[in-house]
N, C-alpha and C. Protein backbone atom coordinates (compact mmCIF):
# COMPACT_ATOMS: atom_id res chain seq x y z
N MET A 1 135.27 16.20 207.63
CA MET A 1 133.87 15.85 207.39
C MET A 1 133.35 15.01 208.55
N ARG A 2 134.12 13.99 208.92
CA ARG A 2 133.71 13.10 210.00
C ARG A 2 133.53 13.89 211.30
N ASN A 3 134.45 14.81 211.58
CA ASN A 3 134.36 15.62 212.80
C ASN A 3 133.11 16.49 212.79
N GLN A 4 132.79 17.04 211.62
CA GLN A 4 131.60 17.88 211.49
C GLN A 4 130.34 17.07 211.79
N ILE A 5 130.29 15.84 211.30
CA ILE A 5 129.14 14.97 211.53
C ILE A 5 129.01 14.67 213.04
N LEU A 6 130.15 14.37 213.69
CA LEU A 6 130.12 14.08 215.12
C LEU A 6 129.70 15.31 215.95
N GLU A 7 130.18 16.48 215.55
CA GLU A 7 129.79 17.71 216.25
C GLU A 7 128.29 17.97 216.08
N ASP A 8 127.77 17.76 214.87
CA ASP A 8 126.35 17.96 214.63
C ASP A 8 125.52 16.93 215.38
N LEU A 9 126.07 15.73 215.56
CA LEU A 9 125.40 14.69 216.34
C LEU A 9 125.25 15.16 217.80
N LYS A 10 126.34 15.69 218.35
CA LYS A 10 126.31 16.19 219.73
C LYS A 10 125.32 17.35 219.86
N THR A 11 125.34 18.26 218.90
CA THR A 11 124.44 19.41 218.93
C THR A 11 122.99 18.96 218.86
N ALA A 12 122.70 18.00 217.99
CA ALA A 12 121.33 17.49 217.86
C ALA A 12 120.88 16.82 219.17
N MET A 13 121.80 16.14 219.85
CA MET A 13 121.47 15.52 221.14
C MET A 13 121.14 16.59 222.17
N LYS A 14 121.98 17.62 222.24
CA LYS A 14 121.77 18.69 223.22
C LYS A 14 120.46 19.42 222.96
N ASN A 15 120.15 19.66 221.69
CA ASN A 15 118.93 20.39 221.33
C ASN A 15 117.70 19.50 221.28
N GLN A 16 117.88 18.21 221.50
CA GLN A 16 116.82 17.22 221.42
C GLN A 16 116.08 17.29 220.08
N ASP A 17 116.86 17.46 219.01
CA ASP A 17 116.33 17.49 217.65
C ASP A 17 116.30 16.05 217.12
N LYS A 18 115.18 15.39 217.31
CA LYS A 18 115.09 13.95 217.03
C LYS A 18 115.27 13.62 215.55
N GLU A 19 114.72 14.46 214.67
CA GLU A 19 114.85 14.18 213.22
C GLU A 19 116.31 14.22 212.79
N THR A 20 116.99 15.32 213.13
CA THR A 20 118.39 15.47 212.76
C THR A 20 119.23 14.37 213.38
N LEU A 21 118.96 14.07 214.62
CA LEU A 21 119.70 13.04 215.33
C LEU A 21 119.57 11.69 214.64
N ALA A 22 118.35 11.34 214.23
CA ALA A 22 118.12 10.06 213.56
C ALA A 22 118.86 9.99 212.23
N VAL A 23 118.83 11.08 211.47
CA VAL A 23 119.49 11.09 210.16
C VAL A 23 121.01 11.00 210.34
N ILE A 24 121.55 11.76 211.25
CA ILE A 24 123.00 11.75 211.46
C ILE A 24 123.46 10.38 211.97
N ARG A 25 122.67 9.78 212.85
CA ARG A 25 123.03 8.44 213.33
C ARG A 25 123.03 7.44 212.18
N MET A 26 122.07 7.58 211.26
CA MET A 26 122.02 6.68 210.11
C MET A 26 123.28 6.84 209.24
N VAL A 27 123.65 8.08 209.01
CA VAL A 27 124.85 8.35 208.20
C VAL A 27 126.09 7.83 208.91
N LYS A 28 126.18 8.08 210.20
CA LYS A 28 127.32 7.62 210.97
C LYS A 28 127.42 6.09 210.90
N GLY A 29 126.29 5.42 211.00
CA GLY A 29 126.26 3.97 210.89
C GLY A 29 126.71 3.48 209.52
N ALA A 30 126.27 4.17 208.47
CA ALA A 30 126.68 3.79 207.11
C ALA A 30 128.18 3.98 206.93
N ILE A 31 128.71 5.06 207.51
CA ILE A 31 130.16 5.32 207.42
C ILE A 31 130.92 4.23 208.16
N GLN A 32 130.48 3.89 209.36
CA GLN A 32 131.16 2.86 210.14
C GLN A 32 131.09 1.50 209.44
N MET A 33 129.95 1.21 208.83
CA MET A 33 129.80 -0.05 208.12
C MET A 33 130.78 -0.12 206.95
N GLU A 34 130.91 0.96 206.22
CA GLU A 34 131.84 0.99 205.09
C GLU A 34 133.28 0.86 205.57
N GLU A 35 133.60 1.48 206.70
CA GLU A 35 134.95 1.37 207.25
C GLU A 35 135.25 -0.07 207.67
N LEU A 36 134.25 -0.74 208.23
CA LEU A 36 134.44 -2.14 208.59
C LEU A 36 134.67 -3.00 207.35
N ASN A 37 133.92 -2.71 206.30
CA ASN A 37 134.05 -3.49 205.06
C ASN A 37 135.39 -3.27 204.37
N THR A 38 135.87 -2.02 204.38
CA THR A 38 137.13 -1.71 203.69
C THR A 38 138.34 -1.82 204.61
N LYS A 39 138.11 -1.92 205.92
CA LYS A 39 139.17 -2.02 206.92
C LYS A 39 140.14 -0.83 206.90
N LYS A 40 139.58 0.35 206.63
CA LYS A 40 140.39 1.57 206.66
C LYS A 40 139.48 2.76 206.97
N GLU A 41 140.11 3.85 207.41
CA GLU A 41 139.34 5.06 207.68
C GLU A 41 139.02 5.74 206.35
N LEU A 42 137.78 6.19 206.19
CA LEU A 42 137.35 6.78 204.93
C LEU A 42 137.84 8.21 204.78
N SER A 43 138.13 8.60 203.56
CA SER A 43 138.50 9.98 203.27
C SER A 43 137.22 10.82 203.18
N ASP A 44 137.39 12.13 203.13
CA ASP A 44 136.22 13.01 203.01
C ASP A 44 135.44 12.72 201.73
N GLU A 45 136.15 12.42 200.63
CA GLU A 45 135.47 12.13 199.36
C GLU A 45 134.61 10.88 199.48
N GLU A 46 135.13 9.89 200.18
CA GLU A 46 134.37 8.65 200.37
C GLU A 46 133.15 8.88 201.26
N VAL A 47 133.31 9.72 202.28
CA VAL A 47 132.18 10.06 203.15
C VAL A 47 131.12 10.81 202.34
N ILE A 48 131.56 11.72 201.49
CA ILE A 48 130.62 12.45 200.63
C ILE A 48 129.88 11.48 199.72
N GLY A 49 130.60 10.48 199.22
CA GLY A 49 129.97 9.46 198.38
C GLY A 49 128.88 8.70 199.13
N ILE A 50 129.14 8.39 200.39
CA ILE A 50 128.15 7.69 201.21
C ILE A 50 126.92 8.58 201.44
N ILE A 51 127.17 9.84 201.71
CA ILE A 51 126.05 10.77 201.94
C ILE A 51 125.23 10.93 200.66
N ALA A 52 125.93 11.04 199.52
CA ALA A 52 125.22 11.15 198.24
C ALA A 52 124.37 9.90 197.98
N LYS A 53 124.90 8.75 198.36
CA LYS A 53 124.16 7.50 198.20
C LYS A 53 122.92 7.49 199.09
N GLN A 54 123.05 8.01 200.31
CA GLN A 54 121.90 8.11 201.22
C GLN A 54 120.82 9.01 200.62
N ILE A 55 121.24 10.12 200.03
CA ILE A 55 120.29 11.04 199.40
C ILE A 55 119.60 10.36 198.22
N LYS A 56 120.38 9.66 197.41
CA LYS A 56 119.82 8.97 196.25
C LYS A 56 118.76 7.95 196.69
N THR A 57 119.06 7.21 197.75
CA THR A 57 118.12 6.22 198.27
C THR A 57 116.82 6.90 198.71
N ARG A 58 116.94 8.02 199.36
CA ARG A 58 115.75 8.73 199.82
C ARG A 58 114.94 9.29 198.66
N LYS A 59 115.62 9.76 197.62
CA LYS A 59 114.89 10.26 196.44
C LYS A 59 114.13 9.13 195.76
N GLU A 60 114.73 7.95 195.71
CA GLU A 60 114.03 6.80 195.15
C GLU A 60 112.82 6.45 196.01
N SER A 61 112.96 6.56 197.31
CA SER A 61 111.86 6.28 198.23
C SER A 61 110.71 7.26 197.99
N ILE A 62 111.05 8.52 197.75
CA ILE A 62 110.01 9.53 197.51
C ILE A 62 109.17 9.15 196.30
N SER A 63 109.81 8.67 195.23
CA SER A 63 109.03 8.29 194.05
C SER A 63 108.09 7.13 194.37
N GLU A 64 108.53 6.22 195.22
CA GLU A 64 107.66 5.11 195.65
C GLU A 64 106.52 5.62 196.53
N PHE A 65 106.83 6.57 197.41
CA PHE A 65 105.80 7.12 198.28
C PHE A 65 104.74 7.87 197.46
N GLU A 66 105.19 8.55 196.40
CA GLU A 66 104.25 9.25 195.53
C GLU A 66 103.28 8.28 194.88
N LYS A 67 103.79 7.14 194.46
CA LYS A 67 102.93 6.12 193.85
C LYS A 67 101.90 5.62 194.85
N GLY A 68 102.30 5.53 196.11
CA GLY A 68 101.41 5.03 197.16
C GLY A 68 100.56 6.11 197.81
N GLY A 69 100.78 7.38 197.40
CA GLY A 69 100.01 8.48 197.97
C GLY A 69 100.32 8.76 199.43
N ARG A 70 101.54 8.53 199.83
CA ARG A 70 101.95 8.74 201.23
C ARG A 70 102.62 10.11 201.39
N ASP A 71 101.81 11.16 201.43
CA ASP A 71 102.33 12.52 201.54
C ASP A 71 103.09 12.75 202.85
N ASP A 72 102.67 12.08 203.93
CA ASP A 72 103.35 12.24 205.21
C ASP A 72 104.80 11.77 205.12
N LEU A 73 105.00 10.64 204.45
CA LEU A 73 106.36 10.10 204.31
C LEU A 73 107.19 10.93 203.33
N ILE A 74 106.54 11.50 202.33
CA ILE A 74 107.25 12.34 201.35
C ILE A 74 107.86 13.54 202.06
N SER A 75 107.07 14.24 202.87
CA SER A 75 107.60 15.44 203.54
C SER A 75 108.69 15.07 204.54
N LYS A 76 108.54 13.96 205.26
CA LYS A 76 109.56 13.51 206.21
C LYS A 76 110.87 13.19 205.48
N THR A 77 110.76 12.51 204.35
CA THR A 77 111.94 12.14 203.58
C THR A 77 112.61 13.37 202.97
N ASN A 78 111.82 14.34 202.52
CA ASN A 78 112.39 15.59 202.01
C ASN A 78 113.16 16.32 203.10
N ASP A 79 112.65 16.29 204.32
CA ASP A 79 113.36 16.92 205.44
C ASP A 79 114.69 16.22 205.68
N GLU A 80 114.70 14.89 205.58
CA GLU A 80 115.94 14.13 205.76
C GLU A 80 116.95 14.50 204.68
N ILE A 81 116.48 14.66 203.45
CA ILE A 81 117.37 15.03 202.34
C ILE A 81 118.00 16.39 202.62
N LYS A 82 117.20 17.35 203.11
CA LYS A 82 117.73 18.69 203.41
C LYS A 82 118.83 18.61 204.47
N ILE A 83 118.63 17.75 205.46
CA ILE A 83 119.65 17.59 206.52
C ILE A 83 120.94 17.02 205.91
N LEU A 84 120.80 16.02 205.04
CA LEU A 84 121.98 15.39 204.43
C LEU A 84 122.70 16.32 203.47
N GLU A 85 121.95 17.16 202.75
CA GLU A 85 122.57 18.03 201.75
C GLU A 85 123.52 19.04 202.36
N LYS A 86 123.38 19.30 203.67
CA LYS A 86 124.30 20.23 204.33
C LYS A 86 125.74 19.72 204.29
N TYR A 87 125.91 18.40 204.16
CA TYR A 87 127.24 17.81 204.20
C TYR A 87 127.87 17.66 202.82
N LEU A 88 127.10 17.92 201.79
CA LEU A 88 127.65 17.82 200.44
C LEU A 88 128.32 19.13 200.05
N PRO A 89 129.30 19.06 199.15
CA PRO A 89 129.87 20.31 198.65
C PRO A 89 128.80 21.07 197.88
N GLU A 90 129.06 22.34 197.63
CA GLU A 90 128.10 23.16 196.90
C GLU A 90 127.78 22.50 195.55
N GLN A 91 126.49 22.39 195.27
CA GLN A 91 126.05 21.73 194.05
C GLN A 91 126.28 22.64 192.83
N LEU A 92 126.66 22.01 191.73
CA LEU A 92 126.92 22.75 190.50
C LEU A 92 125.61 23.09 189.81
N SER A 93 125.59 24.22 189.12
CA SER A 93 124.41 24.59 188.34
C SER A 93 124.41 23.75 187.06
N GLU A 94 123.28 23.75 186.38
CA GLU A 94 123.17 22.98 185.14
C GLU A 94 124.17 23.48 184.09
N GLU A 95 124.38 24.80 184.05
CA GLU A 95 125.32 25.37 183.08
C GLU A 95 126.75 24.90 183.38
N GLU A 96 127.11 24.87 184.66
CA GLU A 96 128.46 24.42 185.03
C GLU A 96 128.66 22.95 184.68
N VAL A 97 127.63 22.14 184.91
CA VAL A 97 127.72 20.72 184.58
C VAL A 97 127.88 20.56 183.06
N MET A 98 127.10 21.31 182.30
CA MET A 98 127.19 21.22 180.83
C MET A 98 128.58 21.66 180.34
N ALA A 99 129.16 22.67 180.97
CA ALA A 99 130.50 23.13 180.58
C ALA A 99 131.53 22.03 180.84
N ILE A 100 131.42 21.36 181.98
CA ILE A 100 132.34 20.27 182.31
C ILE A 100 132.12 19.10 181.36
N LEU A 101 130.87 18.83 180.99
CA LEU A 101 130.58 17.76 180.02
C LEU A 101 131.19 18.07 178.66
N ASP A 102 131.05 19.33 178.22
CA ASP A 102 131.63 19.72 176.94
C ASP A 102 133.15 19.56 176.97
N GLU A 103 133.76 19.95 178.08
CA GLU A 103 135.20 19.80 178.25
C GLU A 103 135.59 18.32 178.17
N ALA A 104 134.79 17.46 178.81
CA ALA A 104 135.07 16.02 178.79
C ALA A 104 134.96 15.47 177.37
N PHE A 105 133.95 15.88 176.63
CA PHE A 105 133.78 15.40 175.26
C PHE A 105 134.95 15.86 174.38
N ASN A 106 135.44 17.08 174.60
CA ASN A 106 136.58 17.58 173.83
C ASN A 106 137.87 16.83 174.19
N GLU A 107 138.00 16.47 175.46
CA GLU A 107 139.21 15.79 175.93
C GLU A 107 139.23 14.32 175.53
N VAL A 108 138.12 13.61 175.79
CA VAL A 108 138.07 12.16 175.58
C VAL A 108 137.76 11.80 174.12
N LYS A 109 136.98 12.67 173.44
CA LYS A 109 136.55 12.46 172.06
C LYS A 109 135.89 11.08 171.87
N PRO A 110 134.76 10.86 172.56
CA PRO A 110 134.07 9.57 172.45
C PRO A 110 133.43 9.41 171.07
N GLU A 111 133.43 8.18 170.59
CA GLU A 111 132.85 7.90 169.28
C GLU A 111 131.56 7.11 169.38
N SER A 112 131.38 6.35 170.46
CA SER A 112 130.17 5.54 170.62
C SER A 112 129.93 5.28 172.10
N MET A 113 128.89 4.48 172.38
CA MET A 113 128.57 4.13 173.76
C MET A 113 129.71 3.34 174.42
N LYS A 114 130.58 2.75 173.61
CA LYS A 114 131.71 2.00 174.17
C LYS A 114 132.64 2.91 174.98
N ASP A 115 132.62 4.20 174.66
CA ASP A 115 133.49 5.15 175.34
C ASP A 115 132.85 5.77 176.58
N MET A 116 131.69 5.29 176.95
CA MET A 116 130.96 5.82 178.12
C MET A 116 131.83 5.68 179.39
N GLY A 117 132.50 4.55 179.56
CA GLY A 117 133.34 4.33 180.73
C GLY A 117 134.48 5.34 180.82
N LYS A 118 135.09 5.64 179.67
CA LYS A 118 136.18 6.63 179.65
C LYS A 118 135.65 8.00 180.08
N LEU A 119 134.47 8.37 179.55
CA LEU A 119 133.88 9.65 179.91
C LEU A 119 133.57 9.73 181.40
N MET A 120 132.94 8.68 181.92
CA MET A 120 132.58 8.68 183.34
C MET A 120 133.83 8.69 184.21
N GLY A 121 134.87 8.01 183.78
CA GLY A 121 136.13 8.02 184.51
C GLY A 121 136.73 9.42 184.57
N TYR A 122 136.58 10.16 183.48
CA TYR A 122 137.09 11.54 183.41
C TYR A 122 136.22 12.46 184.28
N LEU A 123 134.90 12.22 184.26
CA LEU A 123 133.97 13.12 184.93
C LEU A 123 133.83 12.87 186.43
N ASN A 124 133.97 11.61 186.84
CA ASN A 124 133.71 11.25 188.24
C ASN A 124 134.46 12.13 189.25
N PRO A 125 135.78 12.30 189.11
CA PRO A 125 136.48 13.12 190.11
C PRO A 125 136.01 14.58 190.11
N LYS A 126 135.55 15.07 188.97
CA LYS A 126 135.14 16.47 188.88
C LYS A 126 133.72 16.72 189.37
N LEU A 127 132.86 15.71 189.24
CA LEU A 127 131.44 15.92 189.51
C LEU A 127 130.89 15.17 190.72
N LYS A 128 131.57 14.13 191.17
CA LYS A 128 131.01 13.27 192.22
C LYS A 128 130.67 14.08 193.47
N GLY A 129 129.43 13.94 193.92
CA GLY A 129 128.97 14.64 195.10
C GLY A 129 128.55 16.07 194.84
N ARG A 130 128.81 16.56 193.64
CA ARG A 130 128.48 17.95 193.33
C ARG A 130 127.29 18.07 192.39
N CYS A 131 126.81 16.92 191.89
CA CYS A 131 125.60 16.89 191.06
C CYS A 131 125.10 15.45 191.00
N ASP A 132 123.93 15.28 190.45
CA ASP A 132 123.34 13.95 190.33
C ASP A 132 123.99 13.23 189.15
N MET A 133 124.77 12.20 189.46
CA MET A 133 125.49 11.48 188.41
C MET A 133 124.53 10.71 187.49
N GLY A 134 123.35 10.37 187.97
CA GLY A 134 122.36 9.70 187.13
C GLY A 134 121.91 10.59 186.00
N SER A 135 121.68 11.87 186.29
CA SER A 135 121.28 12.80 185.23
C SER A 135 122.43 13.06 184.28
N VAL A 136 123.66 13.08 184.80
CA VAL A 136 124.84 13.25 183.94
C VAL A 136 124.93 12.07 182.97
N SER A 137 124.71 10.88 183.48
CA SER A 137 124.74 9.67 182.65
C SER A 137 123.70 9.74 181.54
N LYS A 138 122.50 10.22 181.87
CA LYS A 138 121.43 10.35 180.85
C LYS A 138 121.84 11.33 179.76
N ILE A 139 122.41 12.45 180.16
CA ILE A 139 122.85 13.47 179.19
C ILE A 139 123.92 12.89 178.27
N ILE A 140 124.86 12.16 178.84
CA ILE A 140 125.93 11.54 178.03
C ILE A 140 125.34 10.56 177.03
N ARG A 141 124.40 9.74 177.50
CA ARG A 141 123.77 8.77 176.59
C ARG A 141 123.07 9.47 175.43
N GLU A 142 122.39 10.56 175.73
CA GLU A 142 121.70 11.32 174.67
C GLU A 142 122.71 11.88 173.68
N LYS A 143 123.81 12.41 174.18
CA LYS A 143 124.82 13.01 173.29
C LYS A 143 125.50 11.94 172.43
N LEU A 144 125.67 10.74 173.00
CA LEU A 144 126.35 9.68 172.26
C LEU A 144 125.44 9.00 171.23
N SER A 145 124.13 9.11 171.43
CA SER A 145 123.20 8.45 170.51
C SER A 145 123.09 9.18 169.18
């Protein structure tokens, strides 16, 4: 994953693609910052987690831009999200997510909201980076209520 990001950085420099270059540099910086904090080289899963976090931040920004009526920033941020999504594994469809959720409920057999942590612990390795964990959390809360 890290090598792919560096290769894309070089390609963006050669092609003078300023948008892609800026986004990749931001991701590279976030990865380096996390490596400094943890004092170890990150695995591909951890890099995917950082990229997913970058996407989540941008989606939150879009909702703020919508409130402020900043259409120019919305389209720019959407372009950044598209660039970042290239580095994520293939996203699961809603049906696939629901099937994994049903499997988790059958396996963990939660009885109340107290079991939310057990469910998320079971689901995290299967879903992280492959779908929006915030929406998964909402679905779980609805099912547990």
